[in-house]
Structures are given as C-alpha cells and as structure tokens.
Amino acid sequence: MASALRSALAAAAPLRFLRGRPDARALTRRAVVHATPRWSCFATSIANQGSASPDDGDAPSTSGGGKKIVLVTGATGRVGKEVVARLAREDGFVVRAATRDKAEYATSLGAHETTPFDLEDRSTWGPAMAGVTHLFSSTQDKFVAQHLEFVKWIGESPEVQSRLEHVVRISCFGADTNTNAYDPEVHASRANTGIPLMLQHYWWAEACFVDAGLQHKLTSIRGNFYMNHLLKNELDAIAARGAFSSPLGACKNSFVSCNDMGEAAVAVLVQGAGRHGDKYYDVTGSQSTSMEEVAAILTRALATPLAREVAPGAAGRTVTYEAQDLVAFEEDFGATRAEFFEYLRNGFYTRCSPDFYNITGKKPLTYFEYLTTQGAAGDTGLAELFSAQGAIFTKGVDEFKDLKNVQK
C-alpha cells in the first residue's frame, strides 16, 4: 500500500510557488490547502560548453557583468532545492545548480544554469567551478572522503580559491573544535567511547575549508537532525498498522526543518561574508518533541484537508509510536548511524537554538508547521514524507559501513 502511495505521489505534479521575486528573508509562511500553479524561468545549461581547467577564469557563463555566480551543490536535495528556489528570486545572483542527473528539476526550481557535478568524478569539478564567486556546499555523509578531496582541490587551485567570496556549508554541531572544545575521544554520555563518527565527519567537512585558506569566507549552518528523516523509513508500517518505531523514545529533540536550513543559508549568502564570514550557527526547530509527541503531531496533520490532497492513503489515520531497541535499529541501518542516534537519546540535541531567529528575524518551524507549510521549492512536509523524495536510507542497508576508513 505504501509503495503504491509513494509511486502515485511521485507521479503527481509537484507544488510550485507563483513566479515572482520576493525577498527570501521575507517570504510568508503559510499552510497550504490547494496547490499553487507551477512557476518557471528559463535556465541555460553549461553542460556542453566544454571542459575548463581549474584555473580557467574565462569559461563561458550566462551571468552577465557584475553578478555573483553561486554554485549550489546538492541542488536537488532536501536543503539544496530550497536554496535554489529562494536564491533564484534574489537580484544580483546567478544560480548554477550542480547535479548529476536532475537538471530539468533544478531548472524548474529556478536555477539559471545547470552543470554536471559529481564528487566522484574530478573531471566535473573545473567546469562546475568556472567563474564561481559563491559556493553552497551540501554533501551526503557517505561522500565525505570525496568532499575532502574536492575542497583540497579548491585550496590548491589559486584562481578558483581566490575568486571565491563566500562559502556556506551545511553541517551538524557536536564535534567542532574551532568554536568549542569537543574531544573526539570523549562521548557525551558513555565512558571510554569517542564522539560518533558521523559527527566527527561533519566537523572535518567544515575544517577542510579552513585548511584550504577559506576561513574568513566560510559560514557554517550546523543543523539538528532533520524532520524529514524522522519517519521516512516507516511509511510501510504507518500504512499497514498506523504505527511507527524508533529508538529515540521519550527523549526530546529540537528536530530542524530542511526549509529553515535553506532559508538560513540564503539569508547569509545575501547578507554576505562581510557579516557572516568565519561564523558558525546552530540551527534547530523551535520546540523539542518526543516520539509520542511526533506521533500525535502527525495524526493532527493527517486530519487536515491538505492530507486528503497530498496523502489520501494516509489521511485521517491515527498514528501511534512503538518503542524500538537500539540493537534492532543497528541491525536495520548499521553501527555508524546507530551510534549517532545515541546522541538523540541522551539529550545532547534537546536544546532550541536562537541562531535561526538571529539570522532571519523569525522563529524556526515547529514539526506541525513543517508538515503543513509549503517551502520555497513548492513542497509541504506531508507531500515530501509520502513521496519518494529524500528517501536516502534503506532498511537492511548500511550506507556508512566504509566511513570508518576515511582519513583526514
């Protein structure tokens, strides 16, 4: 049932904002009842403009004189799509979406240019970075080694490195040593154990920009655990018996919306490195919730007219939470992800940070608001949850089994 529901929703036309150019920092959030028409813009692909060497500053571009060229990596991902959609509405920026195989979708989001980009293919790096003045950097955890190599390449390519005016990196707090004194060998709640490997890798993925000589041009948006990851792997259980399982239990966490991560990133790009260079922000949701509270909130959202529109197979369902042993979770997703989840069980990620408000002037989304509010890219949290989008983990598959071999 859940598989059929995901397929039907994936085939449906996605929601889109009306064409316009509102200030990304002043976009009005609103609960969506009816889909708004698709908005579009013309985009130019640079895929076939020929290769460019790392130091080629004269590669073709559609930017026009004086505009800032922003390469958005992960452009069609959970945070990247929001960055593309918001930044495309800002004057003075040319949004170049880096993607392996979703150029058409990136264009529909508002990207002015698209370019092939693959962290595992060095031949794509030079053309993608040609003329780039601003970089939005977002990477799936399993590609941390390739990300480290890419940033090292930037540091070793003088014209590429010097041309960059601002880098905004998506990360997670908990292992950083520039703004805090975390010891990688000291776990927050377990004796004789180090900080979870995933958190250490998030910090490495920031620190490599510092090592590449970009410290004063770097802004890091360190998010909490993403709201859209909470239940993505539980759709079959919700469809079958109206329940989901998780090892997080009664511990409350300030889960963050990817929409807020994208909005914060665009705000700092617009405001510039002069204000946000060498700054590191912790971005969370505006409230902390337990898994039973998550179940109650989802039940409330499924009772809305929006649910009947975007998730008809689940609309009206009462959803309950079933406790899961961490050992069983590790069997589903592997040791690396399981050890990270320990930090979601010990209160480390409970606090709510003021940094999103300090950047944007408004509170971050609650879980209910995330589920029922349309982001700049056109999706509500409910629509995203009950679709194939963002499904990066599979039960029974350890995506991170090789990460212990990654070296700085």
Protein backbone atom coordinates (compact mmCIF):
# COMPACT_ATOMS: atom_id res chain seq x y z
CA MET A 1 0.00 0.00 0.00
CA ALA A 2 2.75 2.43 0.97
CA SER A 3 4.75 1.61 -2.17
CA ALA A 4 1.73 2.31 -4.37
CA LEU A 5 1.08 5.53 -2.48
CA ARG A 6 4.66 6.72 -2.96
CA SER A 7 4.53 5.92 -6.68
CA ALA A 8 1.27 7.80 -7.15
CA LEU A 9 2.52 10.84 -5.32
CA ALA A 10 5.86 10.81 -7.13
CA ALA A 11 3.99 10.91 -10.42
CA ALA A 12 1.83 13.82 -9.36
CA ALA A 13 2.80 17.34 -10.42
CA PRO A 14 4.78 18.97 -7.57
CA LEU A 15 3.56 22.16 -5.94
CA ARG A 16 5.27 25.36 -7.04
CA PHE A 17 5.30 28.97 -6.00
CA LEU A 18 3.94 31.59 -8.35
CA ARG A 19 6.60 33.28 -10.37
CA GLY A 20 7.92 36.32 -8.55
CA ARG A 21 10.89 37.84 -6.85
CA PRO A 22 10.10 38.26 -3.14
CA ASP A 23 12.94 38.77 -0.69
CA ALA A 24 13.87 35.28 0.54
CA ARG A 25 14.10 36.61 4.10
CA ALA A 26 10.57 37.98 3.93
CA LEU A 27 8.74 35.06 2.30
CA THR A 28 5.49 34.50 4.13
CA ARG A 29 4.99 31.01 5.50
CA ARG A 30 1.51 29.66 5.11
CA ALA A 31 -0.34 26.38 5.49
CA VAL A 32 -1.30 25.04 2.08
CA VAL A 33 -4.78 23.78 1.24
CA HIS A 34 -4.73 23.98 -2.56
CA ALA A 35 -1.77 23.61 -4.86
CA THR A 36 -0.47 26.79 -6.43
CA PRO A 37 0.41 26.87 -10.13
CA ARG A 38 3.87 25.94 -11.27
CA TRP A 39 6.18 28.89 -11.79
CA SER A 40 9.00 28.71 -14.26
CA CYS A 41 12.00 30.52 -15.54
CA PHE A 42 14.37 29.98 -18.40
CA ALA A 43 17.65 28.33 -17.50
CA THR A 44 20.76 27.74 -19.52
CA SER A 45 22.75 24.53 -19.23
CA ILE A 46 26.51 24.86 -19.26
CA ALA A 47 26.92 21.11 -19.57
CA ASN A 48 28.10 21.26 -23.17
CA GLN A 49 30.30 24.35 -23.06
CA GLY A 50 33.46 22.31 -22.99
CA SER A 51 35.84 21.48 -20.17
CA ALA A 52 37.56 24.11 -18.10
CA SER A 53 40.82 23.81 -16.25
CA PRO A 54 40.79 24.57 -12.51
CA ASP A 55 42.34 27.99 -13.13
CA ASP A 56 40.25 28.94 -16.15
CA GLY A 57 38.61 32.24 -15.26
CA ASP A 58 37.24 32.84 -18.75
CA ALA A 59 34.86 29.88 -19.06
CA PRO A 60 31.52 30.77 -20.67
CA SER A 61 28.70 31.83 -18.38
CA THR A 62 25.25 33.31 -18.75
CA SER A 63 25.78 35.54 -15.73
CA GLY A 64 26.21 38.94 -17.34
CA GLY A 65 28.53 41.57 -15.91
CA GLY A 66 28.96 42.01 -12.19
CA LYS A 67 26.65 39.28 -10.94
CA LYS A 68 27.59 36.75 -8.30
CA ILE A 69 27.73 33.19 -9.60
CA VAL A 70 26.65 30.71 -6.93
CA LEU A 71 27.37 27.02 -7.40
CA VAL A 72 24.76 25.09 -5.42
CA THR A 73 25.94 21.54 -4.76
CA GLY A 74 23.26 19.06 -3.76
CA ALA A 75 20.95 21.36 -5.70
CA THR A 76 18.00 18.96 -5.84
CA GLY A 77 18.42 17.61 -2.32
CA ARG A 78 16.45 18.36 0.83
CA VAL A 79 18.22 21.66 1.60
CA GLY A 80 19.63 22.45 -1.83
CA LYS A 81 16.24 22.68 -3.53
CA GLU A 82 15.20 25.37 -1.05
CA VAL A 83 18.43 27.27 -1.65
CA VAL A 84 17.94 27.18 -5.44
CA ALA A 85 14.29 28.28 -5.24
CA ARG A 86 14.96 31.12 -2.79
CA LEU A 87 18.22 32.40 -4.20
CA ALA A 88 16.87 32.47 -7.76
CA ARG A 89 14.49 35.22 -6.60
CA GLU A 90 17.32 37.42 -5.34
CA ASP A 91 18.69 40.21 -7.51
CA GLY A 92 22.39 40.06 -8.34
CA PHE A 93 22.83 36.28 -8.18
CA VAL A 94 23.19 33.71 -10.92
CA VAL A 95 22.22 30.32 -9.51
CA ARG A 96 24.18 27.46 -11.04
CA ALA A 97 22.72 24.13 -9.94
CA ALA A 98 25.19 21.27 -9.69
CA THR A 99 23.53 17.95 -10.35
CA ARG A 100 24.36 14.51 -11.67
CA ASP A 101 21.09 13.74 -13.41
CA LYS A 102 18.29 16.14 -12.38
CA ALA A 103 18.96 19.25 -14.47
CA GLU A 104 15.33 19.56 -15.55
CA TYR A 105 14.10 19.56 -11.95
CA ALA A 106 16.77 22.10 -10.95
CA THR A 107 15.61 24.34 -13.80
CA SER A 108 12.00 24.06 -12.63
CA LEU A 109 13.13 25.27 -9.20
CA GLY A 110 14.51 28.44 -10.78
CA ALA A 111 18.15 27.67 -11.49
CA HIS A 112 19.59 30.00 -14.13
CA GLU A 113 22.27 27.50 -15.11
CA THR A 114 22.82 23.78 -14.58
CA THR A 115 26.08 21.88 -14.72
CA PRO A 116 27.08 18.25 -14.32
CA PHE A 117 28.83 17.75 -11.00
CA ASP A 118 29.91 14.54 -9.31
CA LEU A 119 32.20 14.38 -6.30
CA GLU A 120 33.37 11.00 -7.59
CA ASP A 121 34.33 12.45 -10.99
CA ARG A 122 37.14 15.03 -10.79
CA SER A 123 36.66 15.96 -14.44
CA THR A 124 33.40 17.73 -13.50
CA TRP A 125 34.93 19.96 -10.83
CA GLY A 126 36.71 22.50 -13.05
CA PRO A 127 33.80 23.24 -15.40
CA ALA A 128 31.37 23.46 -12.48
CA MET A 129 33.57 25.94 -10.60
CA ALA A 130 34.40 28.11 -13.63
CA GLY A 131 33.73 31.74 -12.71
CA VAL A 132 32.12 30.81 -9.39
CA THR A 133 32.18 33.53 -6.71
CA HIS A 134 29.96 31.86 -4.11
CA LEU A 135 29.65 28.21 -3.10
CA PHE A 136 26.80 26.49 -1.29
CA SER A 137 28.17 23.17 -0.08
CA SER A 138 25.99 20.23 0.96
CA THR A 139 27.12 16.61 0.83
CA GLN A 140 25.62 13.25 1.72
CA ASP A 141 27.51 11.63 4.59
CA LYS A 142 28.74 8.71 2.51
CA PHE A 143 30.69 11.08 0.22
CA VAL A 144 32.74 12.75 2.94
CA ALA A 145 36.06 11.45 1.56
CA GLN A 146 35.31 12.84 -1.90
CA HIS A 147 34.18 16.14 -0.37
CA LEU A 148 37.51 16.46 1.46
CA GLU A 149 39.33 15.91 -1.83
CA PHE A 150 37.17 18.47 -3.65
CA VAL A 151 37.86 21.18 -1.07
CA LYS A 152 41.56 20.33 -1.08
CA TRP A 153 41.47 20.80 -4.86
CA ILE A 154 39.89 24.23 -4.39
CA GLY A 155 42.68 25.22 -2.00
CA GLU A 156 45.31 24.05 -4.47
CA SER A 157 43.72 25.91 -7.42
CA PRO A 158 44.77 29.57 -6.88
CA GLU A 159 42.29 31.24 -9.24
CA VAL A 160 39.38 29.14 -8.02
CA GLN A 161 40.25 29.74 -4.37
CA SER A 162 40.90 33.47 -4.72
CA ARG A 163 37.75 34.06 -6.78
CA LEU A 164 35.52 32.64 -4.05
CA GLU A 165 33.99 35.41 -1.96
CA HIS A 166 31.78 33.29 0.30
CA VAL A 167 31.27 29.62 1.14
CA VAL A 168 28.19 28.39 3.01
CA ARG A 169 28.48 24.85 4.34
CA ILE A 170 25.64 22.68 5.66
CA SER A 171 26.79 20.75 8.71
CA CYS A 172 25.82 19.47 12.17
CA PHE A 173 27.02 20.52 15.61
CA GLY A 174 28.64 18.21 18.14
CA ALA A 175 32.30 17.62 17.24
CA ASP A 176 33.64 21.02 16.15
CA THR A 177 36.85 22.26 17.73
CA ASN A 178 37.06 25.82 16.41
CA THR A 179 34.07 27.22 18.31
CA ASN A 180 34.02 24.55 21.02
CA ALA A 181 36.49 22.24 22.74
CA TYR A 182 34.97 18.86 21.97
CA ASP A 183 37.39 15.98 22.43
CA PRO A 184 36.87 13.37 19.70
CA GLU A 185 37.75 10.67 22.23
CA VAL A 186 35.07 11.72 24.74
CA HIS A 187 31.43 10.71 24.24
CA ALA A 188 28.70 12.89 25.77
CA SER A 189 27.16 10.07 27.82
CA ARG A 190 29.24 6.88 27.51
CA ALA A 191 32.54 6.13 29.19
CA ASN A 192 35.56 5.02 27.15
CA THR A 193 33.86 5.94 23.88
CA GLY A 194 34.53 8.67 21.34
CA ILE A 195 32.20 11.14 19.65
CA PRO A 196 30.09 9.38 16.99
CA LEU A 197 31.96 9.09 13.71
CA MET A 198 29.27 10.89 11.70
CA LEU A 199 29.61 13.98 13.92
CA GLN A 200 33.38 13.96 13.57
CA HIS A 201 32.99 13.79 9.81
CA TYR A 202 30.63 16.79 9.82
CA TRP A 203 33.37 18.78 11.51
CA TRP A 204 36.06 17.51 9.13
CA ALA A 205 33.85 18.65 6.24
CA GLU A 206 33.90 22.19 7.68
CA ALA A 207 37.53 22.21 8.79
CA CYS A 208 38.77 21.34 5.30
CA PHE A 209 37.60 24.78 4.11
CA VAL A 210 39.66 26.37 6.86
CA ASP A 211 42.66 24.27 5.78
CA ALA A 212 42.06 25.45 2.19
CA GLY A 213 42.54 29.08 3.25
CA LEU A 214 38.84 30.00 3.28
CA GLN A 215 38.21 30.50 6.99
CA HIS A 216 37.21 34.16 6.75
CA LYS A 217 34.93 33.41 3.79
CA LEU A 218 33.23 30.44 5.48
CA THR A 219 29.81 30.30 7.12
CA SER A 220 28.64 27.01 8.56
CA ILE A 221 24.96 26.26 9.14
CA ARG A 222 25.03 23.46 11.71
CA GLY A 223 21.64 21.80 11.85
CA ASN A 224 20.00 19.38 14.22
CA PHE A 225 18.54 16.08 12.98
CA TYR A 226 16.24 16.73 10.00
CA MET A 227 12.48 16.47 10.48
CA ASN A 228 12.04 14.74 7.15
CA HIS A 229 14.30 11.86 8.27
CA LEU A 230 12.15 11.02 11.28
CA LEU A 231 9.60 8.76 9.60
CA LYS A 232 10.82 8.32 6.03
CA ASN A 233 11.59 4.64 6.57
CA GLU A 234 8.35 3.98 8.45
CA LEU A 235 5.77 4.54 5.69
CA ASP A 236 5.04 0.84 5.23
CA ALA A 237 4.36 0.43 8.96
CA ILE A 238 2.18 3.55 9.06
CA ALA A 239 0.19 2.28 6.07
CA ALA A 240 -0.14 -1.26 7.45
CA ARG A 241 -0.95 -0.65 11.10
CA GLY A 242 -0.91 3.10 11.76
CA ALA A 243 2.28 2.94 13.80
CA PHE A 244 5.99 3.62 13.50
CA SER A 245 9.01 2.52 15.51
CA SER A 246 12.09 4.44 16.58
CA PRO A 247 14.80 4.05 19.23
CA LEU A 248 14.55 7.71 20.30
CA GLY A 249 11.80 7.13 22.87
CA ALA A 250 10.89 9.80 25.39
CA CYS A 251 14.00 11.93 24.85
CA LYS A 252 13.01 15.25 23.30
CA ASN A 253 14.95 16.67 20.37
CA SER A 254 14.68 20.01 18.59
CA PHE A 255 14.45 18.50 15.09
CA VAL A 256 15.01 21.01 12.31
CA SER A 257 13.22 21.63 9.03
CA CYS A 258 15.32 21.48 5.87
CA ASN A 259 13.35 24.50 4.70
CA ASP A 260 14.77 26.50 7.60
CA MET A 261 18.27 25.29 6.83
CA GLY A 262 17.86 26.52 3.26
CA GLU A 263 16.37 29.83 4.32
CA ALA A 264 19.21 30.48 6.75
CA ALA A 265 21.78 29.63 4.07
CA VAL A 266 20.22 32.04 1.57
CA ALA A 267 19.99 34.80 4.18
CA VAL A 268 23.71 34.62 4.94
CA LEU A 269 24.59 34.46 1.24
CA VAL A 270 22.53 37.59 0.58
CA GLN A 271 23.91 39.41 3.62
CA GLY A 272 27.44 38.43 2.66
CA ALA A 273 30.74 37.22 4.06
CA GLY A 274 31.46 40.65 5.49
CA ARG A 275 28.76 39.94 8.05
CA HIS A 276 28.82 36.15 8.20
CA GLY A 277 32.38 35.12 7.27
CA ASP A 278 34.04 32.92 9.91
CA LYS A 279 30.67 32.45 11.60
CA TYR A 280 29.11 29.17 12.73
CA TYR A 281 25.40 28.87 13.51
CA ASP A 282 23.46 26.11 15.26
CA VAL A 283 20.02 25.84 13.65
CA THR A 284 17.25 23.83 15.33
CA GLY A 285 13.48 23.65 15.40
CA SER A 286 11.56 25.96 17.72
CA GLN A 287 10.39 23.16 20.03
CA SER A 288 11.70 19.83 21.29
CA THR A 289 9.50 16.78 20.82
CA SER A 290 9.47 13.14 21.91
CA MET A 291 8.43 10.32 19.59
CA GLU A 292 4.98 10.08 21.16
CA GLU A 293 4.56 13.81 20.52
CA VAL A 294 5.73 13.30 16.93
CA ALA A 295 3.02 10.63 16.51
CA ALA A 296 0.36 12.99 17.90
CA ILE A 297 1.52 15.84 15.64
CA LEU A 298 1.47 13.62 12.55
CA THR A 299 -2.03 12.43 13.48
CA ARG A 300 -3.12 16.07 13.70
CA ALA A 301 -1.57 16.86 10.31
CA LEU A 302 -3.23 13.84 8.69
CA ALA A 303 -6.60 15.23 9.79
CA THR A 304 -6.17 18.37 7.66
CA PRO A 305 -7.62 18.95 4.17
CA LEU A 306 -4.01 19.09 2.93
CA ALA A 307 -3.54 15.43 3.88
CA ARG A 308 -6.52 14.40 1.78
CA GLU A 309 -4.90 16.18 -1.15
CA VAL A 310 -1.28 15.03 -0.92
CA ALA A 311 -1.52 11.77 1.06
CA PRO A 312 -5.00 10.37 0.51
CA GLY A 313 -3.95 6.86 1.53
CA ALA A 314 -2.92 8.06 4.98
CA ALA A 315 -5.37 10.92 5.53
CA GLY A 316 -7.40 10.59 8.69
CA ARG A 317 -5.16 7.92 10.20
CA THR A 318 -4.35 7.89 13.90
CA VAL A 319 -0.62 7.21 14.22
CA THR A 320 0.99 5.71 17.30
CA TYR A 321 4.59 5.27 18.40
CA GLU A 322 6.19 1.90 19.15
CA ALA A 323 9.46 1.82 21.08
CA GLN A 324 12.40 0.18 19.31
CA ASP A 325 15.55 -1.26 20.82
CA LEU A 326 18.76 0.40 19.59
CA VAL A 327 20.18 -3.04 18.78
CA ALA A 328 17.29 -3.65 16.37
CA PHE A 329 17.85 -0.21 14.84
CA GLU A 330 21.53 -1.04 14.32
CA GLU A 331 20.53 -4.24 12.53
CA ASP A 332 18.39 -2.13 10.19
CA PHE A 333 20.84 0.70 9.45
CA GLY A 334 24.32 -0.22 10.70
CA ALA A 335 26.60 0.73 13.58
CA THR A 336 27.64 4.18 12.34
CA ARG A 337 24.09 5.55 12.17
CA ALA A 338 23.12 3.78 15.40
CA GLU A 339 25.93 5.41 17.37
CA PHE A 340 24.83 8.81 16.09
CA PHE A 341 21.31 8.05 17.31
CA GLU A 342 22.70 7.65 20.82
CA TYR A 343 23.16 11.44 20.84
CA LEU A 344 19.45 11.73 20.02
CA ARG A 345 18.68 9.55 23.05
CA ASN A 346 20.85 11.27 25.66
CA GLY A 347 19.61 14.87 25.48
CA PHE A 348 22.53 16.30 23.53
CA TYR A 349 20.17 17.63 20.83
CA THR A 350 17.34 18.77 23.10
CA ARG A 351 18.07 22.48 23.31
CA CYS A 352 16.49 25.03 20.97
CA SER A 353 18.95 27.50 19.45
CA PRO A 354 18.21 31.20 18.78
CA ASP A 355 20.51 31.32 15.75
CA PHE A 356 17.82 30.96 13.07
CA TYR A 357 15.97 33.90 14.60
CA ASN A 358 19.20 35.91 14.80
CA ILE A 359 19.84 35.30 11.08
CA THR A 360 16.31 35.69 9.67
CA GLY A 361 14.34 37.60 12.31
CA LYS A 362 11.73 34.87 12.83
CA LYS A 363 11.24 31.63 14.72
CA PRO A 364 12.06 28.32 13.05
CA LEU A 365 9.28 25.93 12.11
CA THR A 366 7.65 23.51 14.51
CA TYR A 367 7.10 19.94 13.31
CA PHE A 368 3.42 20.61 12.59
CA GLU A 369 4.30 23.78 10.66
CA TYR A 370 6.88 21.85 8.65
CA LEU A 371 4.30 19.20 7.72
CA THR A 372 1.64 21.70 6.64
CA THR A 373 3.65 24.63 5.24
CA GLN A 374 4.82 24.96 1.66
CA GLY A 375 8.50 25.64 1.22
CA ALA A 376 10.01 27.83 -1.47
CA ALA A 377 10.57 24.75 -3.62
CA GLY A 378 6.84 24.05 -3.55
CA ASP A 379 6.62 21.02 -1.26
CA THR A 380 4.93 20.64 2.10
CA GLY A 381 6.43 18.28 4.65
CA LEU A 382 3.46 15.94 4.27
CA ALA A 383 3.87 15.78 0.50
CA GLU A 384 7.57 15.13 0.88
CA LEU A 385 7.04 12.46 3.56
CA PHE A 386 4.60 10.45 1.45
CA SER A 387 6.70 10.57 -1.72
CA ALA A 388 9.91 9.01 -2.96
CA GLN A 389 11.78 12.27 -2.47
CA GLY A 390 14.51 12.29 0.17
CA ALA A 391 14.47 8.51 0.74
CA ILE A 392 18.22 8.07 1.17
CA PHE A 393 18.20 5.25 3.74
CA THR A 394 17.01 1.68 3.21
CA LYS A 395 16.33 -0.83 5.96
CA GLY A 396 18.86 -3.62 5.84
CA VAL A 397 21.46 -1.49 4.03
CA ASP A 398 24.37 0.07 5.91
CA GLU A 399 25.13 3.19 3.88
CA PHE A 400 28.08 4.06 6.11
CA LYS A 401 29.90 0.76 6.53
CA ASP A 402 33.07 2.13 4.90
CA LEU A 403 33.20 5.51 6.66
CA LYS A 404 35.49 4.23 9.40
CA ASN A 405 38.21 4.00 6.75
CA VAL A 406 38.03 7.70 5.83
CA GLN A 407 41.10 9.70 6.80
CA LYS A 408 41.53 13.47 7.04
